[in-house]
Amino acid sequence: MSLPLRQYARHRRSAGLSGGTLSAVRAAIEAGRLARSVASDGSIADAEAADLEWAETTHSDRVPLNGPTNGGERAPSSLQAARLRTELARAETAEIELRKLKGQLIDVGEVHFGLVNVFTIVKTRLRGVPSRLAQRWPDGKPNLQVIALASELIDEALTELAERDLVGAPLVDRTTDDDDDDAAEATT
């Protein structure tokens, strides 16, 4: 049974298929996506055969992925998958930028630079402790063995800290340390 183009468009729309308008049907015929199903008078010879031909000849990147006209049987093409990855990357980048603007994220390089500066100051101040101890010795004559021992212990501590991997080390929460509570109870 032959269908006029307008009636075939209604058929596609009622079936939930894409191309449910007269202009879409005409465009499919002009593009060659509907050729075998078109009768000599320009009508559609068989609606089901035309639907199959339409599905076979339509590029998958032109088919809607959601909504009532998606067809439901096509997997996204590699182009669609690439576009999806690009959009997801853009969305993730935008979210990161927003979190930076809100002050929820900071740059790792800035943190590293700040920590290096702080640790350099701490190291310099600790290395100065033995000489400051010698200057403040009560009778003005410092015990050189004590000063040398303090210098050695400070250098040892700094060397041990320099050898540790502090970047991956877990943070220790000292506010919930149960050992301090047990020690306090034992002394009372």
C-alpha atoms as a PDB file:
ATOM      1  CA  MET A   1       0.000   0.000   0.000  1.00  0.00           C
ATOM      2  CA  SER A   2       1.536   3.280  -1.112  1.00  0.00           C
ATOM      3  CA  LEU A   3       1.691   6.210   1.350  1.00  0.00           C
ATOM      4  CA  PRO A   4       1.913   9.902   0.506  1.00  0.00           C
ATOM      5  CA  LEU A   5       5.001  11.571   2.027  1.00  0.00           C
ATOM      6  CA  ARG A   6       2.956  13.515   4.596  1.00  0.00           C
ATOM      7  CA  GLN A   7       1.266  10.313   5.803  1.00  0.00           C
ATOM      8  CA  TYR A   8       4.631   8.510   5.986  1.00  0.00           C
ATOM      9  CA  ALA A   9       5.969  11.388   8.140  1.00  0.00           C
ATOM     10  CA  ARG A  10       2.968  10.911  10.483  1.00  0.00           C
ATOM     11  CA  HIS A  11       3.721   7.183  10.573  1.00  0.00           C
ATOM     12  CA  ARG A  12       7.337   7.863  11.658  1.00  0.00           C
ATOM     13  CA  ARG A  13       6.241  10.399  14.265  1.00  0.00           C
ATOM     14  CA  SER A  14       3.630   8.014  15.744  1.00  0.00           C
ATOM     15  CA  ALA A  15       6.210   5.198  15.811  1.00  0.00           C
ATOM     16  CA  GLY A  16       8.598   7.455  17.761  1.00  0.00           C
ATOM     17  CA  LEU A  17      11.170   7.499  14.966  1.00  0.00           C
ATOM     18  CA  SER A  18      13.235  10.474  13.875  1.00  0.00           C
ATOM     19  CA  GLY A  19      12.153  12.194  10.653  1.00  0.00           C
ATOM     20  CA  GLY A  20       8.551  12.619  11.632  1.00  0.00           C
ATOM     21  CA  THR A  21       8.052  15.753   9.546  1.00  0.00           C
ATOM     22  CA  LEU A  22       7.360  16.217   5.844  1.00  0.00           C
ATOM     23  CA  SER A  23      10.558  18.248   5.404  1.00  0.00           C
ATOM     24  CA  ALA A  24      12.627  15.455   7.047  1.00  0.00           C
ATOM     25  CA  VAL A  25      11.129  12.831   4.734  1.00  0.00           C
ATOM     26  CA  ARG A  26      11.817  15.025   1.682  1.00  0.00           C
ATOM     27  CA  ALA A  27      15.386  15.631   2.891  1.00  0.00           C
ATOM     28  CA  ALA A  28      15.938  11.873   3.296  1.00  0.00           C
ATOM     29  CA  ILE A  29      14.719  11.266  -0.267  1.00  0.00           C
ATOM     30  CA  GLU A  30      16.895  14.095  -1.663  1.00  0.00           C
ATOM     31  CA  ALA A  31      19.948  12.838   0.259  1.00  0.00           C
ATOM     32  CA  GLY A  32      19.421   9.334  -1.103  1.00  0.00           C
ATOM     33  CA  ARG A  33      18.669   7.752   2.247  1.00  0.00           C
ATOM     34  CA  LEU A  34      15.301   6.690   0.907  1.00  0.00           C
ATOM     35  CA  ALA A  35      15.600   5.392  -2.665  1.00  0.00           C
ATOM     36  CA  ARG A  36      14.447   1.765  -2.868  1.00  0.00           C
ATOM     37  CA  SER A  37      11.235   2.507  -0.930  1.00  0.00           C
ATOM     38  CA  VAL A  38      10.117   5.425  -3.072  1.00  0.00           C
ATOM     39  CA  ALA A  39       7.518   4.533  -5.705  1.00  0.00           C
ATOM     40  CA  SER A  40       7.583   5.972  -9.222  1.00  0.00           C
ATOM     41  CA  ASP A  41       4.877   8.494  -8.308  1.00  0.00           C
ATOM     42  CA  GLY A  42       7.059   9.852  -5.413  1.00  0.00           C
ATOM     43  CA  SER A  43       5.092   8.179  -2.605  1.00  0.00           C
ATOM     44  CA  ILE A  44       6.422   5.581  -0.181  1.00  0.00           C
ATOM     45  CA  ALA A  45       5.727   2.054  -1.428  1.00  0.00           C
ATOM     46  CA  ASP A  46       6.035   0.264   1.953  1.00  0.00           C
ATOM     47  CA  ALA A  47       6.366   2.069   5.296  1.00  0.00           C
ATOM     48  CA  GLU A  48       8.166  -0.778   7.132  1.00  0.00           C
ATOM     49  CA  ALA A  49      10.650  -1.265   4.294  1.00  0.00           C
ATOM     50  CA  ALA A  50      11.217   2.508   4.180  1.00  0.00           C
ATOM     51  CA  ASP A  51      11.856   2.540   7.952  1.00  0.00           C
ATOM     52  CA  LEU A  52      14.497  -0.179   7.566  1.00  0.00           C
ATOM     53  CA  GLU A  53      16.109   1.613   4.620  1.00  0.00           C
ATOM     54  CA  TRP A  54      16.123   4.879   6.586  1.00  0.00           C
ATOM     55  CA  ALA A  55      17.820   3.172   9.549  1.00  0.00           C
ATOM     56  CA  GLU A  56      20.415   1.480   7.317  1.00  0.00           C
ATOM     57  CA  THR A  57      21.373   4.614   5.395  1.00  0.00           C
ATOM     58  CA  THR A  58      21.329   7.187   8.181  1.00  0.00           C
ATOM     59  CA  HIS A  59      24.726   7.990   9.712  1.00  0.00           C
ATOM     60  CA  SER A  60      24.822   7.128  13.387  1.00  0.00           C
ATOM     61  CA  ASP A  61      26.141  10.587  14.293  1.00  0.00           C
ATOM     62  CA  ARG A  62      22.897  12.096  12.950  1.00  0.00           C
ATOM     63  CA  VAL A  63      20.636   9.962  15.131  1.00  0.00           C
ATOM     64  CA  PRO A  64      19.521  11.444  18.468  1.00  0.00           C
ATOM     65  CA  LEU A  65      20.955   9.559  21.459  1.00  0.00           C
ATOM     66  CA  ASN A  66      17.991  10.279  23.729  1.00  0.00           C
ATOM     67  CA  GLY A  67      14.410  11.379  23.550  1.00  0.00           C
ATOM     68  CA  PRO A  68      11.454   9.800  21.798  1.00  0.00           C
ATOM     69  CA  THR A  69      13.139   9.524  18.379  1.00  0.00           C
ATOM     70  CA  ASN A  70      16.406   7.861  19.324  1.00  0.00           C
ATOM     71  CA  GLY A  71      15.519   4.492  17.806  1.00  0.00           C
ATOM     72  CA  GLY A  72      17.006   2.766  20.855  1.00  0.00           C
ATOM     73  CA  GLU A  73      19.130   0.221  18.983  1.00  0.00           C
ATOM     74  CA  ARG A  74      22.255   2.163  17.997  1.00  0.00           C
ATOM     75  CA  ALA A  75      25.388   2.460  20.080  1.00  0.00           C
ATOM     76  CA  PRO A  76      27.227   5.805  19.980  1.00  0.00           C
ATOM     77  CA  SER A  77      29.769   6.093  17.166  1.00  0.00           C
ATOM     78  CA  SER A  78      33.436   6.732  17.804  1.00  0.00           C
ATOM     79  CA  LEU A  79      32.854  10.375  16.862  1.00  0.00           C
ATOM     80  CA  GLN A  80      30.048  10.652  19.401  1.00  0.00           C
ATOM     81  CA  ALA A  81      32.200   8.942  22.023  1.00  0.00           C
ATOM     82  CA  ALA A  82      35.041  11.381  21.297  1.00  0.00           C
ATOM     83  CA  ARG A  83      32.655  14.328  21.574  1.00  0.00           C
ATOM     84  CA  LEU A  84      31.336  12.958  24.854  1.00  0.00           C
ATOM     85  CA  ARG A  85      34.881  12.609  26.242  1.00  0.00           C
ATOM     86  CA  THR A  86      35.653  16.173  25.126  1.00  0.00           C
ATOM     87  CA  GLU A  87      32.528  17.546  26.786  1.00  0.00           C
ATOM     88  CA  LEU A  88      33.236  15.616  29.988  1.00  0.00           C
ATOM     89  CA  ALA A  89      36.796  16.961  30.045  1.00  0.00           C
ATOM     90  CA  ARG A  90      35.520  20.521  29.532  1.00  0.00           C
ATOM     91  CA  ALA A  91      32.984  20.090  32.334  1.00  0.00           C
ATOM     92  CA  GLU A  92      35.644  18.711  34.675  1.00  0.00           C
ATOM     93  CA  THR A  93      38.000  21.571  33.827  1.00  0.00           C
ATOM     94  CA  ALA A  94      35.254  24.112  34.434  1.00  0.00           C
ATOM     95  CA  GLU A  95      34.463  22.500  37.791  1.00  0.00           C
ATOM     96  CA  ILE A  96      38.130  22.634  38.822  1.00  0.00           C
ATOM     97  CA  GLU A  97      38.354  26.310  37.819  1.00  0.00           C
ATOM     98  CA  LEU A  98      35.200  27.072  39.800  1.00  0.00           C
ATOM     99  CA  ARG A  99      36.571  25.323  42.886  1.00  0.00           C
ATOM    100  CA  LYS A 100      39.817  27.314  42.517  1.00  0.00           C
ATOM    101  CA  LEU A 101      37.841  30.568  42.332  1.00  0.00           C
ATOM    102  CA  LYS A 102      35.897  29.591  45.454  1.00  0.00           C
ATOM    103  CA  GLY A 103      39.162  28.905  47.267  1.00  0.00           C
ATOM    104  CA  GLN A 104      38.464  25.185  47.631  1.00  0.00           C
ATOM    105  CA  LEU A 105      41.527  24.176  45.573  1.00  0.00           C
ATOM    106  CA  ILE A 106      45.047  25.518  45.544  1.00  0.00           C
ATOM    107  CA  ASP A 107      47.898  24.923  43.130  1.00  0.00           C
ATOM    108  CA  VAL A 108      50.361  22.185  44.133  1.00  0.00           C
ATOM    109  CA  GLY A 109      53.280  24.341  42.979  1.00  0.00           C
ATOM    110  CA  GLU A 110      52.222  27.153  45.322  1.00  0.00           C
ATOM    111  CA  VAL A 111      51.969  24.736  48.255  1.00  0.00           C
ATOM    112  CA  HIS A 112      55.355  23.210  47.436  1.00  0.00           C
ATOM    113  CA  PHE A 113      56.985  26.644  47.174  1.00  0.00           C
ATOM    114  CA  GLY A 114      55.445  27.729  50.493  1.00  0.00           C
ATOM    115  CA  LEU A 115      56.525  24.560  52.294  1.00  0.00           C
ATOM    116  CA  VAL A 116      60.082  24.803  50.965  1.00  0.00           C
ATOM    117  CA  ASN A 117      60.280  28.371  52.283  1.00  0.00           C
ATOM    118  CA  VAL A 118      58.876  27.404  55.698  1.00  0.00           C
ATOM    119  CA  PHE A 119      61.188  24.391  56.041  1.00  0.00           C
ATOM    120  CA  THR A 120      64.194  26.489  55.025  1.00  0.00           C
ATOM    121  CA  ILE A 121      63.400  29.036  57.735  1.00  0.00           C
ATOM    122  CA  VAL A 122      62.874  26.275  60.333  1.00  0.00           C
ATOM    123  CA  LYS A 123      66.161  24.613  59.378  1.00  0.00           C
ATOM    124  CA  THR A 124      68.056  27.906  59.622  1.00  0.00           C
ATOM    125  CA  ARG A 125      66.518  28.715  63.007  1.00  0.00           C
ATOM    126  CA  LEU A 126      67.256  25.223  64.397  1.00  0.00           C
ATOM    127  CA  ARG A 127      70.866  25.339  63.208  1.00  0.00           C
ATOM    128  CA  GLY A 128      71.226  28.638  65.073  1.00  0.00           C
ATOM    129  CA  VAL A 129      70.083  27.181  68.416  1.00  0.00           C
ATOM    130  CA  PRO A 130      73.566  25.994  69.571  1.00  0.00           C
ATOM    131  CA  SER A 131      75.163  29.414  69.013  1.00  0.00           C
ATOM    132  CA  ARG A 132      72.221  31.159  70.738  1.00  0.00           C
ATOM    133  CA  LEU A 133      72.555  28.689  73.612  1.00  0.00           C
ATOM    134  CA  ALA A 134      76.245  29.557  73.925  1.00  0.00           C
ATOM    135  CA  GLN A 135      75.424  33.293  73.993  1.00  0.00           C
ATOM    136  CA  ARG A 136      72.901  32.849  76.805  1.00  0.00           C
ATOM    137  CA  TRP A 137      74.997  30.542  79.013  1.00  0.00           C
ATOM    138  CA  PRO A 138      74.503  31.695  82.615  1.00  0.00           C
ATOM    139  CA  ASP A 139      78.127  32.329  83.660  1.00  0.00           C
ATOM    140  CA  GLY A 140      79.252  33.481  80.200  1.00  0.00           C
ATOM    141  CA  LYS A 141      81.461  30.406  79.745  1.00  0.00           C
ATOM    142  CA  PRO A 142      79.465  27.869  77.712  1.00  0.00           C
ATOM    143  CA  ASN A 143      80.025  24.149  78.061  1.00  0.00           C
ATOM    144  CA  LEU A 144      81.361  23.284  74.606  1.00  0.00           C
ATOM    145  CA  GLN A 145      80.407  19.615  74.946  1.00  0.00           C
ATOM    146  CA  VAL A 146      76.740  20.545  75.539  1.00  0.00           C
ATOM    147  CA  ILE A 147      76.791  22.983  72.596  1.00  0.00           C
ATOM    148  CA  ALA A 148      78.385  20.352  70.323  1.00  0.00           C
ATOM    149  CA  LEU A 149      75.863  17.726  71.483  1.00  0.00           C
ATOM    150  CA  ALA A 150      72.932  20.085  70.806  1.00  0.00           C
ATOM    151  CA  SER A 151      74.319  20.851  67.339  1.00  0.00           C
ATOM    152  CA  GLU A 152      74.789  17.137  66.617  1.00  0.00           C
ATOM    153  CA  LEU A 153      71.235  16.254  67.748  1.00  0.00           C
ATOM    154  CA  ILE A 154      69.710  19.047  65.689  1.00  0.00           C
ATOM    155  CA  ASP A 155      71.680  17.974  62.591  1.00  0.00           C
ATOM    156  CA  GLU A 156      70.626  14.364  63.174  1.00  0.00           C
ATOM    157  CA  ALA A 157      66.944  15.351  63.439  1.00  0.00           C
ATOM    158  CA  LEU A 158      67.149  17.508  60.300  1.00  0.00           C
ATOM    159  CA  THR A 159      68.844  14.678  58.364  1.00  0.00           C
ATOM    160  CA  GLU A 160      66.144  12.217  59.465  1.00  0.00           C
ATOM    161  CA  LEU A 161      63.403  14.607  58.394  1.00  0.00           C
ATOM    162  CA  ALA A 162      65.096  15.222  55.033  1.00  0.00           C
ATOM    163  CA  GLU A 163      65.209  11.461  54.330  1.00  0.00           C
ATOM    164  CA  ARG A 164      61.485  10.917  54.989  1.00  0.00           C
ATOM    165  CA  ASP A 165      58.840  10.987  52.277  1.00  0.00           C
ATOM    166  CA  LEU A 166      56.591  13.600  53.832  1.00  0.00           C
ATOM    167  CA  VAL A 167      54.531  14.114  50.672  1.00  0.00           C
ATOM    168  CA  GLY A 168      52.823  10.715  50.835  1.00  0.00           C
ATOM    169  CA  ALA A 169      52.826  10.440  54.630  1.00  0.00           C
ATOM    170  CA  PRO A 170      49.404  10.350  56.304  1.00  0.00           C
ATOM    171  CA  LEU A 171      48.450  13.214  58.554  1.00  0.00           C
ATOM    172  CA  VAL A 172      48.241  12.351  62.244  1.00  0.00           C
ATOM    173  CA  ASP A 173      45.339  13.775  64.205  1.00  0.00           C
ATOM    174  CA  ARG A 174      46.721  14.497  67.658  1.00  0.00           C
ATOM    175  CA  THR A 175      43.351  15.651  69.027  1.00  0.00           C
ATOM    176  CA  THR A 176      41.990  12.088  69.228  1.00  0.00           C
ATOM    177  CA  ASP A 177      45.075  10.369  70.628  1.00  0.00           C
ATOM    178  CA  ASP A 178      43.803   7.829  73.196  1.00  0.00           C
ATOM    179  CA  ASP A 179      47.296   7.152  74.592  1.00  0.00           C
ATOM    180  CA  ASP A 180      47.419  10.601  76.232  1.00  0.00           C
ATOM    181  CA  ASP A 181      44.105   9.911  77.999  1.00  0.00           C
ATOM    182  CA  ASP A 182      45.356   6.537  79.260  1.00  0.00           C
ATOM    183  CA  ALA A 183      48.561   8.111  80.575  1.00  0.00           C
ATOM    184  CA  ALA A 184      46.606  10.845  82.350  1.00  0.00           C
ATOM    185  CA  GLU A 185      44.317   8.284  84.011  1.00  0.00           C
ATOM    186  CA  ALA A 186      47.303   6.212  85.178  1.00  0.00           C
ATOM    187  CA  THR A 187      48.829   9.163  87.035  1.00  0.00           C
ATOM    188  CA  THR A 188      45.621  10.056  88.921  1.00  0.00           C
END
